[in-house]
Amino acid sequence: MNLRDEILNWKAQRNAVILAHNYQIPDIQDIADFTGDSLELARKATEIDAAAIVFCGVHFMAETAAILNPGKTVLVPDPKAGCPMADMLTADQLRNFKAQHPRAKVVCYVNSTAEVKAESDCCCTSGNAVEIVRHYPDDEVIFVPDAHLGAVVAKKLNRDLILWPGYCPTHARISPQDLLDLKKAHPQAIAMAHPECPLRVLQVADEILSTGQMCTFARENPAREFIVVTEEGLLHRLRKENPAKTFYHISPYAVCPNMKQNTLEKLYFCLRDGQPVVTVDPATAARARRAIEQMLAWS
């Protein structure tokens, strides 16, 4: 029996469902029951009828699944697969930041720890951030931790937001010149950029979209060529869903080492051994759940 068969065998024995983020390696995406972006996966986690969820992504994503499914076991192939952006803001730092703006509402990007979510009024993803902030038309809004996404939201809504200076190192490595060079080489291609990119990159892009929105846009748009300005893992799904279309990746540097820590071997051991298990302190989970459920209700 090969490794893939072993994984499927243990998945059946544990009555487990495998969720994978769009940035996972192709082997993980192909064996997953569902692949999506943060919002798609958050929604899917609330619909799962299984005893266990194996979350192939980074740690905050598995935490979110655990928060939304207190009666289920949530497993991760590699517990060390973290998120540098999430690590740029602690709960203590957010509490101090809130004390400086006592009347402000806190909108928290899901790329954050459970403790930070627990200190927030509502979560958001890159796909619904504008929609979420629009629900606070008359309030000051603290937007954490991604300053790049926050700047996109502020610009689209033509309002000031109080931003925390966090960012995604993978997207921050992308330069405007990278995109300009690709656009020159492929003048018919539509450039789709993730809002975690620096503003100077987004200003050169044709569309600003989450990974899930990129998949929908590429599928529905009649164009035949696209430049993908985000982490390279999304290329596998785009090419799989659109075999007649061509996708160019922005840069060899746009690779998240944390997302790539999950492998088929780690997935196999995770299912076989039933660990590592992701747990969240119940009191923290209850407060964080309110912020996540508010996002889902408004999305």
C-alpha atoms as a PDB file:
ATOM      1  CA  MET A   1       0.000   0.000   0.000  1.00  0.00           C
ATOM      2  CA  ASN A   2       1.434   3.414  -0.955  1.00  0.00           C
ATOM      3  CA  LEU A   3       1.512   6.519   1.229  1.00  0.00           C
ATOM      4  CA  ARG A   4      -1.595   8.033  -0.342  1.00  0.00           C
ATOM      5  CA  ASP A   5      -3.563   4.837   0.260  1.00  0.00           C
ATOM      6  CA  GLU A   6      -2.325   4.713   3.852  1.00  0.00           C
ATOM      7  CA  ILE A   7      -3.513   8.276   4.419  1.00  0.00           C
ATOM      8  CA  LEU A   8      -6.952   7.507   3.002  1.00  0.00           C
ATOM      9  CA  ASN A   9      -7.139   4.347   5.106  1.00  0.00           C
ATOM     10  CA  TRP A  10      -6.354   6.154   8.350  1.00  0.00           C
ATOM     11  CA  LYS A  11      -8.640   9.019   7.384  1.00  0.00           C
ATOM     12  CA  ALA A  12     -11.522   6.542   7.102  1.00  0.00           C
ATOM     13  CA  GLN A  13     -10.623   4.835  10.377  1.00  0.00           C
ATOM     14  CA  ARG A  14     -10.614   8.137  12.253  1.00  0.00           C
ATOM     15  CA  ASN A  15     -13.697   9.506  10.462  1.00  0.00           C
ATOM     16  CA  ALA A  16     -11.607  12.521   9.539  1.00  0.00           C
ATOM     17  CA  VAL A  17     -11.880  15.293   6.971  1.00  0.00           C
ATOM     18  CA  ILE A  18      -8.791  16.914   5.442  1.00  0.00           C
ATOM     19  CA  LEU A  19      -8.879  20.671   4.818  1.00  0.00           C
ATOM     20  CA  ALA A  20      -6.060  22.358   2.889  1.00  0.00           C
ATOM     21  CA  HIS A  21      -5.237  25.978   2.231  1.00  0.00           C
ATOM     22  CA  ASN A  22      -4.607  27.138  -1.330  1.00  0.00           C
ATOM     23  CA  TYR A  23      -0.907  27.603  -0.519  1.00  0.00           C
ATOM     24  CA  GLN A  24      -0.282  23.959   0.375  1.00  0.00           C
ATOM     25  CA  ILE A  25       1.924  21.737  -1.788  1.00  0.00           C
ATOM     26  CA  PRO A  26       0.132  20.010  -4.714  1.00  0.00           C
ATOM     27  CA  ASP A  27       0.208  16.551  -3.076  1.00  0.00           C
ATOM     28  CA  ILE A  28      -1.631  17.911  -0.045  1.00  0.00           C
ATOM     29  CA  GLN A  29      -4.179  19.807  -2.144  1.00  0.00           C
ATOM     30  CA  ASP A  30      -4.885  16.727  -4.246  1.00  0.00           C
ATOM     31  CA  ILE A  31      -5.626  14.462  -1.287  1.00  0.00           C
ATOM     32  CA  ALA A  32      -7.664  17.024   0.656  1.00  0.00           C
ATOM     33  CA  ASP A  33     -11.441  16.821   0.862  1.00  0.00           C
ATOM     34  CA  PHE A  34     -11.629  20.578   0.448  1.00  0.00           C
ATOM     35  CA  THR A  35      -9.131  23.237  -0.631  1.00  0.00           C
ATOM     36  CA  GLY A  36      -9.814  26.937  -0.224  1.00  0.00           C
ATOM     37  CA  ASP A  37      -8.866  30.313   1.164  1.00  0.00           C
ATOM     38  CA  SER A  38      -9.267  31.400   4.783  1.00  0.00           C
ATOM     39  CA  LEU A  39     -12.932  32.394   4.455  1.00  0.00           C
ATOM     40  CA  GLU A  40     -13.876  29.267   2.502  1.00  0.00           C
ATOM     41  CA  LEU A  41     -12.124  27.062   5.049  1.00  0.00           C
ATOM     42  CA  ALA A  42     -13.693  28.870   8.012  1.00  0.00           C
ATOM     43  CA  ARG A  43     -17.128  28.300   6.528  1.00  0.00           C
ATOM     44  CA  LYS A  44     -16.341  24.683   5.713  1.00  0.00           C
ATOM     45  CA  ALA A  45     -15.161  24.031   9.268  1.00  0.00           C
ATOM     46  CA  THR A  46     -18.664  24.858  10.559  1.00  0.00           C
ATOM     47  CA  GLU A  47     -20.314  22.368   8.176  1.00  0.00           C
ATOM     48  CA  ILE A  48     -18.190  19.293   8.783  1.00  0.00           C
ATOM     49  CA  ASP A  49     -19.869  16.102   9.938  1.00  0.00           C
ATOM     50  CA  ALA A  50     -16.812  14.143  11.061  1.00  0.00           C
ATOM     51  CA  ALA A  51     -15.081  13.208  14.286  1.00  0.00           C
ATOM     52  CA  ALA A  52     -11.778  14.830  13.341  1.00  0.00           C
ATOM     53  CA  ILE A  53     -10.527  17.683  11.181  1.00  0.00           C
ATOM     54  CA  VAL A  54      -7.000  17.571   9.814  1.00  0.00           C
ATOM     55  CA  PHE A  55      -6.029  21.119   8.927  1.00  0.00           C
ATOM     56  CA  CYS A  56      -3.223  21.501   6.409  1.00  0.00           C
ATOM     57  CA  GLY A  57      -2.235  25.126   6.616  1.00  0.00           C
ATOM     58  CA  VAL A  58      -0.600  27.199   9.327  1.00  0.00           C
ATOM     59  CA  HIS A  59      -1.347  27.146  13.036  1.00  0.00           C
ATOM     60  CA  PHE A  60      -3.829  30.016  13.295  1.00  0.00           C
ATOM     61  CA  MET A  61      -6.048  28.278  10.720  1.00  0.00           C
ATOM     62  CA  ALA A  62      -6.173  25.088  12.775  1.00  0.00           C
ATOM     63  CA  GLU A  63      -6.896  27.183  15.869  1.00  0.00           C
ATOM     64  CA  THR A  64      -9.857  28.730  14.053  1.00  0.00           C
ATOM     65  CA  ALA A  65     -11.190  25.273  13.191  1.00  0.00           C
ATOM     66  CA  ALA A  66     -10.798  24.198  16.830  1.00  0.00           C
ATOM     67  CA  ILE A  67     -12.604  27.312  18.045  1.00  0.00           C
ATOM     68  CA  LEU A  68     -15.531  26.663  15.694  1.00  0.00           C
ATOM     69  CA  ASN A  69     -15.687  22.928  16.488  1.00  0.00           C
ATOM     70  CA  PRO A  70     -15.309  22.476  20.257  1.00  0.00           C
ATOM     71  CA  GLY A  71     -16.620  18.895  20.090  1.00  0.00           C
ATOM     72  CA  LYS A  72     -14.244  17.722  17.383  1.00  0.00           C
ATOM     73  CA  THR A  73     -10.581  16.735  17.358  1.00  0.00           C
ATOM     74  CA  VAL A  74      -8.472  19.112  15.243  1.00  0.00           C
ATOM     75  CA  LEU A  75      -5.126  17.760  14.054  1.00  0.00           C
ATOM     76  CA  VAL A  76      -2.222  19.395  12.229  1.00  0.00           C
ATOM     77  CA  PRO A  77       0.552  17.644  10.296  1.00  0.00           C
ATOM     78  CA  ASP A  78       3.189  20.076  11.596  1.00  0.00           C
ATOM     79  CA  PRO A  79       2.472  22.224  14.681  1.00  0.00           C
ATOM     80  CA  LYS A  80       5.548  24.339  13.919  1.00  0.00           C
ATOM     81  CA  ALA A  81       3.960  25.669  10.711  1.00  0.00           C
ATOM     82  CA  GLY A  82       3.279  29.154  12.017  1.00  0.00           C
ATOM     83  CA  CYS A  83       2.543  32.575  10.563  1.00  0.00           C
ATOM     84  CA  PRO A  84       5.074  35.410  10.948  1.00  0.00           C
ATOM     85  CA  MET A  85       2.318  37.989  10.510  1.00  0.00           C
ATOM     86  CA  ALA A  86       0.272  36.460  13.333  1.00  0.00           C
ATOM     87  CA  ASP A  87       3.379  36.577  15.535  1.00  0.00           C
ATOM     88  CA  MET A  88       3.708  40.339  14.947  1.00  0.00           C
ATOM     89  CA  LEU A  89       0.839  41.094  17.352  1.00  0.00           C
ATOM     90  CA  THR A  90       0.231  39.677  20.828  1.00  0.00           C
ATOM     91  CA  ALA A  91      -2.908  39.992  22.927  1.00  0.00           C
ATOM     92  CA  ASP A  92      -1.066  42.279  25.373  1.00  0.00           C
ATOM     93  CA  GLN A  93       0.008  44.555  22.539  1.00  0.00           C
ATOM     94  CA  LEU A  94      -3.549  44.721  21.243  1.00  0.00           C
ATOM     95  CA  ARG A  95      -4.930  45.510  24.689  1.00  0.00           C
ATOM     96  CA  ASN A  96      -2.448  48.376  25.011  1.00  0.00           C
ATOM     97  CA  PHE A  97      -3.340  49.569  21.513  1.00  0.00           C
ATOM     98  CA  LYS A  98      -7.050  49.485  22.381  1.00  0.00           C
ATOM     99  CA  ALA A  99      -6.389  51.514  25.532  1.00  0.00           C
ATOM    100  CA  GLN A 100      -5.017  54.294  23.306  1.00  0.00           C
ATOM    101  CA  HIS A 101      -8.252  54.252  21.258  1.00  0.00           C
ATOM    102  CA  PRO A 102     -10.951  53.339  23.787  1.00  0.00           C
ATOM    103  CA  ARG A 103     -13.931  54.044  21.493  1.00  0.00           C
ATOM    104  CA  ALA A 104     -12.619  52.087  18.530  1.00  0.00           C
ATOM    105  CA  LYS A 105     -13.941  48.779  17.234  1.00  0.00           C
ATOM    106  CA  VAL A 106     -11.331  46.126  16.491  1.00  0.00           C
ATOM    107  CA  VAL A 107     -11.421  44.283  13.185  1.00  0.00           C
ATOM    108  CA  CYS A 108      -8.942  41.453  13.208  1.00  0.00           C
ATOM    109  CA  TYR A 109      -7.604  39.697  10.129  1.00  0.00           C
ATOM    110  CA  VAL A 110      -7.905  35.932  10.626  1.00  0.00           C
ATOM    111  CA  ASN A 111      -4.115  35.701  10.234  1.00  0.00           C
ATOM    112  CA  SER A 112      -3.800  36.126  13.993  1.00  0.00           C
ATOM    113  CA  THR A 113      -3.696  34.078  17.171  1.00  0.00           C
ATOM    114  CA  ALA A 114      -6.753  32.959  19.119  1.00  0.00           C
ATOM    115  CA  GLU A 115      -5.780  35.372  21.898  1.00  0.00           C
ATOM    116  CA  VAL A 116      -5.821  38.315  19.492  1.00  0.00           C
ATOM    117  CA  LYS A 117      -9.144  37.210  18.018  1.00  0.00           C
ATOM    118  CA  ALA A 118     -10.530  37.106  21.565  1.00  0.00           C
ATOM    119  CA  GLU A 119      -9.661  40.803  21.991  1.00  0.00           C
ATOM    120  CA  SER A 120     -11.445  41.750  18.743  1.00  0.00           C
ATOM    121  CA  ASP A 121     -14.999  42.735  17.859  1.00  0.00           C
ATOM    122  CA  CYS A 122     -15.026  40.981  14.508  1.00  0.00           C
ATOM    123  CA  CYS A 123     -12.668  38.975  12.321  1.00  0.00           C
ATOM    124  CA  CYS A 124     -12.225  39.332   8.582  1.00  0.00           C
ATOM    125  CA  THR A 125     -10.398  37.694   5.708  1.00  0.00           C
ATOM    126  CA  SER A 126      -8.730  39.227   2.679  1.00  0.00           C
ATOM    127  CA  GLY A 127     -11.896  38.432   0.719  1.00  0.00           C
ATOM    128  CA  ASN A 128     -14.406  40.152   3.013  1.00  0.00           C
ATOM    129  CA  ALA A 129     -12.397  42.832   4.863  1.00  0.00           C
ATOM    130  CA  VAL A 130     -14.063  45.745   3.045  1.00  0.00           C
ATOM    131  CA  GLU A 131     -17.501  44.271   3.686  1.00  0.00           C
ATOM    132  CA  ILE A 132     -16.767  43.778   7.394  1.00  0.00           C
ATOM    133  CA  VAL A 133     -15.371  47.272   8.033  1.00  0.00           C
ATOM    134  CA  ARG A 134     -18.351  48.746   6.182  1.00  0.00           C
ATOM    135  CA  HIS A 135     -20.498  47.457   9.066  1.00  0.00           C
ATOM    136  CA  TYR A 136     -18.845  50.061  11.315  1.00  0.00           C
ATOM    137  CA  PRO A 137     -19.653  53.255   9.369  1.00  0.00           C
ATOM    138  CA  ASP A 138     -19.665  55.618  12.337  1.00  0.00           C
ATOM    139  CA  ASP A 139     -16.952  54.071  14.488  1.00  0.00           C
ATOM    140  CA  GLU A 140     -13.226  54.412  14.722  1.00  0.00           C
ATOM    141  CA  VAL A 141     -11.790  51.108  13.554  1.00  0.00           C
ATOM    142  CA  ILE A 142      -8.550  49.481  14.640  1.00  0.00           C
ATOM    143  CA  PHE A 143      -7.439  47.067  11.909  1.00  0.00           C
ATOM    144  CA  VAL A 144      -4.915  44.397  12.878  1.00  0.00           C
ATOM    145  CA  PRO A 145      -2.413  42.942  12.180  1.00  0.00           C
ATOM    146  CA  ASP A 146      -1.902  43.454   8.411  1.00  0.00           C
ATOM    147  CA  ALA A 147      -1.208  47.082   7.524  1.00  0.00           C
ATOM    148  CA  HIS A 148      -1.184  46.312   3.783  1.00  0.00           C
ATOM    149  CA  LEU A 149      -4.673  44.811   3.794  1.00  0.00           C
ATOM    150  CA  GLY A 150      -5.830  47.584   6.108  1.00  0.00           C
ATOM    151  CA  ALA A 151      -4.552  50.208   3.673  1.00  0.00           C
ATOM    152  CA  VAL A 152      -6.507  48.554   0.846  1.00  0.00           C
ATOM    153  CA  VAL A 153      -9.681  48.639   2.941  1.00  0.00           C
ATOM    154  CA  ALA A 154      -9.119  52.269   3.931  1.00  0.00           C
ATOM    155  CA  LYS A 155      -8.605  53.285   0.310  1.00  0.00           C
ATOM    156  CA  LYS A 156     -11.674  51.428  -0.975  1.00  0.00           C
ATOM    157  CA  LEU A 157     -13.891  52.904   1.742  1.00  0.00           C
ATOM    158  CA  ASN A 158     -12.252  56.350   1.593  1.00  0.00           C
ATOM    159  CA  ARG A 159     -11.803  56.516   5.351  1.00  0.00           C
ATOM    160  CA  ASP A 160      -9.058  56.447   7.940  1.00  0.00           C
ATOM    161  CA  LEU A 161      -8.309  53.248   9.824  1.00  0.00           C
ATOM    162  CA  ILE A 162      -5.998  52.785  12.794  1.00  0.00           C
ATOM    163  CA  LEU A 163      -3.455  50.270  11.528  1.00  0.00           C
ATOM    164  CA  TRP A 164      -1.035  47.942  13.263  1.00  0.00           C
ATOM    165  CA  PRO A 165       2.285  47.689  11.362  1.00  0.00           C
ATOM    166  CA  GLY A 166       2.133  43.948  10.619  1.00  0.00           C
ATOM    167  CA  TYR A 167       2.727  42.339   7.236  1.00  0.00           C
ATOM    168  CA  CYS A 168       3.258  39.053   5.402  1.00  0.00           C
ATOM    169  CA  PRO A 169       6.987  38.563   4.686  1.00  0.00           C
ATOM    170  CA  THR A 170       6.239  36.430   1.610  1.00  0.00           C
ATOM    171  CA  HIS A 171       4.081  39.076  -0.051  1.00  0.00           C
ATOM    172  CA  ALA A 172       6.402  41.858   1.113  1.00  0.00           C
ATOM    173  CA  ARG A 173       9.206  40.325  -0.981  1.00  0.00           C
ATOM    174  CA  ILE A 174       7.263  41.006  -4.188  1.00  0.00           C
ATOM    175  CA  SER A 175       8.382  44.179  -5.946  1.00  0.00           C
ATOM    176  CA  PRO A 176       6.580  46.435  -8.447  1.00  0.00           C
ATOM    177  CA  GLN A 177       9.377  45.772 -10.932  1.00  0.00           C
ATOM    178  CA  ASP A 178       8.671  42.031 -10.767  1.00  0.00           C
ATOM    179  CA  LEU A 179       5.128  42.737 -11.906  1.00  0.00           C
ATOM    180  CA  LEU A 180       6.056  45.366 -14.484  1.00  0.00           C
ATOM    181  CA  ASP A 181       8.530  42.955 -16.078  1.00  0.00           C
ATOM    182  CA  LEU A 182       5.921  40.188 -16.297  1.00  0.00           C
ATOM    183  CA  LYS A 183       3.305  42.532 -17.708  1.00  0.00           C
ATOM    184  CA  LYS A 184       5.773  43.641 -20.377  1.00  0.00           C
ATOM    185  CA  ALA A 185       6.581  40.016 -21.253  1.00  0.00           C
ATOM    186  CA  HIS A 186       2.892  39.012 -21.304  1.00  0.00           C
ATOM    187  CA  PRO A 187       0.883  42.093 -22.324  1.00  0.00           C
ATOM    188  CA  GLN A 188      -2.377  40.150 -22.728  1.00  0.00           C
ATOM    189  CA  ALA A 189      -2.259  38.697 -19.216  1.00  0.00           C
ATOM    190  CA  ILE A 190      -4.430  40.043 -16.389  1.00  0.00           C
ATOM    191  CA  ALA A 191      -2.467  40.627 -13.182  1.00  0.00           C
ATOM    192  CA  MET A 192      -4.305  39.396 -10.051  1.00  0.00           C
ATOM    193  CA  ALA A 193      -2.673  40.561  -6.823  1.00  0.00           C
ATOM    194  CA  HIS A 194      -3.362  39.588  -3.215  1.00  0.00           C
ATOM    195  CA  PRO A 195      -4.096  42.532  -0.878  1.00  0.00           C
ATOM    196  CA  GLU A 196      -1.298  41.419   1.461  1.00  0.00           C
ATOM    197  CA  CYS A 197       1.078  42.818  -1.180  1.00  0.00           C
ATOM    198  CA  PRO A 198       2.604  46.268  -0.606  1.00  0.00           C
ATOM    199  CA  LEU A 199       0.547  49.141  -2.001  1.00  0.00           C
ATOM    200  CA  ARG A 200       3.177  49.965  -4.619  1.00  0.00           C
ATOM    201  CA  VAL A 201       2.655  46.465  -6.071  1.00  0.00           C
ATOM    202  CA  LEU A 202      -1.128  46.694  -5.938  1.00  0.00           C
ATOM    203  CA  GLN A 203      -1.018  49.963  -7.857  1.00  0.00           C
ATOM    204  CA  VAL A 204       0.485  48.092 -10.810  1.00  0.00           C
ATOM    205  CA  ALA A 205      -1.976  45.165 -10.673  1.00  0.00           C
ATOM    206  CA  ASP A 206      -5.204  44.907 -12.658  1.00  0.00           C
ATOM    207  CA  GLU A 207      -7.238  43.199  -9.924  1.00  0.00           C
ATOM    208  CA  ILE A 208      -6.876  42.994  -6.131  1.00  0.00           C
ATOM    209  CA  LEU A 209      -8.314  39.661  -4.990  1.00  0.00           C
ATOM    210  CA  SER A 210      -8.110  37.027  -2.269  1.00  0.00           C
ATOM    211  CA  THR A 211      -6.973  33.583  -3.372  1.00  0.00           C
ATOM    212  CA  GLY A 212     -10.553  32.332  -3.475  1.00  0.00           C
ATOM    213  CA  GLN A 213     -11.585  35.361  -5.509  1.00  0.00           C
ATOM    214  CA  MET A 214      -8.674  34.741  -7.897  1.00  0.00           C
ATOM    215  CA  CYS A 215      -9.980  31.233  -8.555  1.00  0.00           C
ATOM    216  CA  THR A 216     -13.464  32.547  -9.317  1.00  0.00           C
ATOM    217  CA  PHE A 217     -12.156  35.417 -11.435  1.00  0.00           C
ATOM    218  CA  ALA A 218      -9.882  33.177 -13.518  1.00  0.00           C
ATOM    219  CA  ARG A 219     -12.674  30.684 -14.074  1.00  0.00           C
ATOM    220  CA  GLU A 220     -15.267  33.261 -15.134  1.00  0.00           C
ATOM    221  CA  ASN A 221     -13.104  35.746 -17.040  1.00  0.00           C
ATOM    222  CA  PRO A 222     -12.696  35.038 -20.777  1.00  0.00           C
ATOM    223  CA  ALA A 223      -9.015  36.010 -20.704  1.00  0.00           C
ATOM    224  CA  ARG A 224      -6.575  33.185 -21.441  1.00  0.00           C
ATOM    225  CA  GLU A 225      -3.527  34.461 -19.536  1.00  0.00           C
ATOM    226  CA  PHE A 226      -3.124  35.582 -15.945  1.00  0.00           C
ATOM    227  CA  ILE A 227      -0.274  36.811 -13.752  1.00  0.00           C
ATOM    228  CA  VAL A 228      -0.624  35.434 -10.224  1.00  0.00           C
ATOM    229  CA  VAL A 229       0.714  37.855  -7.620  1.00  0.00           C
ATOM    230  CA  THR A 230       0.604  35.767  -4.471  1.00  0.00           C
ATOM    231  CA  GLU A 231       2.170  32.665  -2.922  1.00  0.00           C
ATOM    232  CA  GLU A 232       3.005  30.063  -5.554  1.00  0.00           C
ATOM    233  CA  GLY A 233       0.838  27.292  -4.068  1.00  0.00           C
ATOM    234  CA  LEU A 234      -2.258  28.794  -5.672  1.00  0.00           C
ATOM    235  CA  LEU A 235      -0.918  28.007  -9.147  1.00  0.00           C
ATOM    236  CA  HIS A 236      -1.703  24.306  -8.716  1.00  0.00           C
ATOM    237  CA  ARG A 237      -5.397  24.912  -8.095  1.00  0.00           C
ATOM    238  CA  LEU A 238      -5.660  27.540 -10.837  1.00  0.00           C
ATOM    239  CA  ARG A 239      -4.057  25.285 -13.437  1.00  0.00           C
ATOM    240  CA  LYS A 240      -6.070  22.266 -12.321  1.00  0.00           C
ATOM    241  CA  GLU A 241      -9.371  24.134 -12.573  1.00  0.00           C
ATOM    242  CA  ASN A 242      -8.459  25.967 -15.805  1.00  0.00           C
ATOM    243  CA  PRO A 243      -6.372  23.601 -17.970  1.00  0.00           C
ATOM    244  CA  ALA A 244      -6.893  25.671 -21.118  1.00  0.00           C
ATOM    245  CA  LYS A 245      -5.553  28.859 -19.523  1.00  0.00           C
ATOM    246  CA  THR A 246      -1.989  29.988 -18.772  1.00  0.00           C
ATOM    247  CA  PHE A 247      -0.825  31.288 -15.403  1.00  0.00           C
ATOM    248  CA  TYR A 248       2.477  33.085 -14.763  1.00  0.00           C
ATOM    249  CA  HIS A 249       3.840  33.330 -11.238  1.00  0.00           C
ATOM    250  CA  ILE A 250       5.140  36.660 -10.031  1.00  0.00           C
ATOM    251  CA  SER A 251       8.439  35.661  -8.419  1.00  0.00           C
ATOM    252  CA  PRO A 252      10.495  32.672  -7.255  1.00  0.00           C
ATOM    253  CA  TYR A 253      10.710  34.439  -3.889  1.00  0.00           C
ATOM    254  CA  ALA A 254       6.925  34.415  -3.318  1.00  0.00           C
ATOM    255  CA  VAL A 255       6.952  31.100  -1.467  1.00  0.00           C
ATOM    256  CA  CYS A 256       5.824  30.722   2.152  1.00  0.00           C
ATOM    257  CA  PRO A 257       8.196  28.336   3.957  1.00  0.00           C
ATOM    258  CA  ASN A 258       5.660  27.802   6.736  1.00  0.00           C
ATOM    259  CA  MET A 259       2.925  26.635   4.368  1.00  0.00           C
ATOM    260  CA  LYS A 260       5.378  24.212   2.795  1.00  0.00           C
ATOM    261  CA  GLN A 261       6.191  22.491   6.101  1.00  0.00           C
ATOM    262  CA  ASN A 262       3.213  20.160   5.709  1.00  0.00           C
ATOM    263  CA  THR A 263       4.006  17.035   3.679  1.00  0.00           C
ATOM    264  CA  LEU A 264       2.268  13.763   2.846  1.00  0.00           C
ATOM    265  CA  GLU A 265       4.549  11.970   5.289  1.00  0.00           C
ATOM    266  CA  LYS A 266       3.587  14.310   8.140  1.00  0.00           C
ATOM    267  CA  LEU A 267      -0.069  14.007   7.163  1.00  0.00           C
ATOM    268  CA  TYR A 268       0.201  10.219   7.334  1.00  0.00           C
ATOM    269  CA  PHE A 269       1.807  10.212  10.799  1.00  0.00           C
ATOM    270  CA  CYS A 270      -0.712  12.791  11.998  1.00  0.00           C
ATOM    271  CA  LEU A 271      -3.637  10.557  11.011  1.00  0.00           C
ATOM    272  CA  ARG A 272      -1.994   7.339  12.178  1.00  0.00           C
ATOM    273  CA  ASP A 273      -1.069   8.684  15.617  1.00  0.00           C
ATOM    274  CA  GLY A 274      -4.000  11.057  16.118  1.00  0.00           C
ATOM    275  CA  GLN A 275      -1.699  13.928  16.971  1.00  0.00           C
ATOM    276  CA  PRO A 276      -0.593  16.719  17.234  1.00  0.00           C
ATOM    277  CA  VAL A 277      -3.961  17.952  18.517  1.00  0.00           C
ATOM    278  CA  VAL A 278      -4.704  21.676  18.423  1.00  0.00           C
ATOM    279  CA  THR A 279      -6.396  22.985  21.563  1.00  0.00           C
ATOM    280  CA  VAL A 280      -7.479  26.458  22.602  1.00  0.00           C
ATOM    281  CA  ASP A 281      -8.188  27.590  26.165  1.00  0.00           C
ATOM    282  CA  PRO A 282     -12.006  27.398  26.527  1.00  0.00           C
ATOM    283  CA  ALA A 283     -12.411  30.953  27.834  1.00  0.00           C
ATOM    284  CA  THR A 284     -10.242  32.340  25.021  1.00  0.00           C
ATOM    285  CA  ALA A 285     -12.062  30.180  22.476  1.00  0.00           C
ATOM    286  CA  ALA A 286     -15.469  31.442  23.603  1.00  0.00           C
ATOM    287  CA  ARG A 287     -14.440  35.093  23.130  1.00  0.00           C
ATOM    288  CA  ALA A 288     -12.678  34.402  19.842  1.00  0.00           C
ATOM    289  CA  ARG A 289     -15.686  32.445  18.567  1.00  0.00           C
ATOM    290  CA  ARG A 290     -17.890  35.524  18.902  1.00  0.00           C
ATOM    291  CA  ALA A 291     -15.568  37.504  16.631  1.00  0.00           C
ATOM    292  CA  ILE A 292     -15.359  34.702  14.056  1.00  0.00           C
ATOM    293  CA  GLU A 293     -19.103  34.040  14.081  1.00  0.00           C
ATOM    294  CA  GLN A 294     -19.778  37.753  13.663  1.00  0.00           C
ATOM    295  CA  MET A 295     -17.634  37.652  10.512  1.00  0.00           C
ATOM    296  CA  LEU A 296     -19.490  34.627   9.169  1.00  0.00           C
ATOM    297  CA  ALA A 297     -22.845  36.265   9.867  1.00  0.00           C
ATOM    298  CA  TRP A 298     -21.829  39.399   7.960  1.00  0.00           C
ATOM    299  CA  SER A 299     -20.227  37.520   5.044  1.00  0.00           C
END
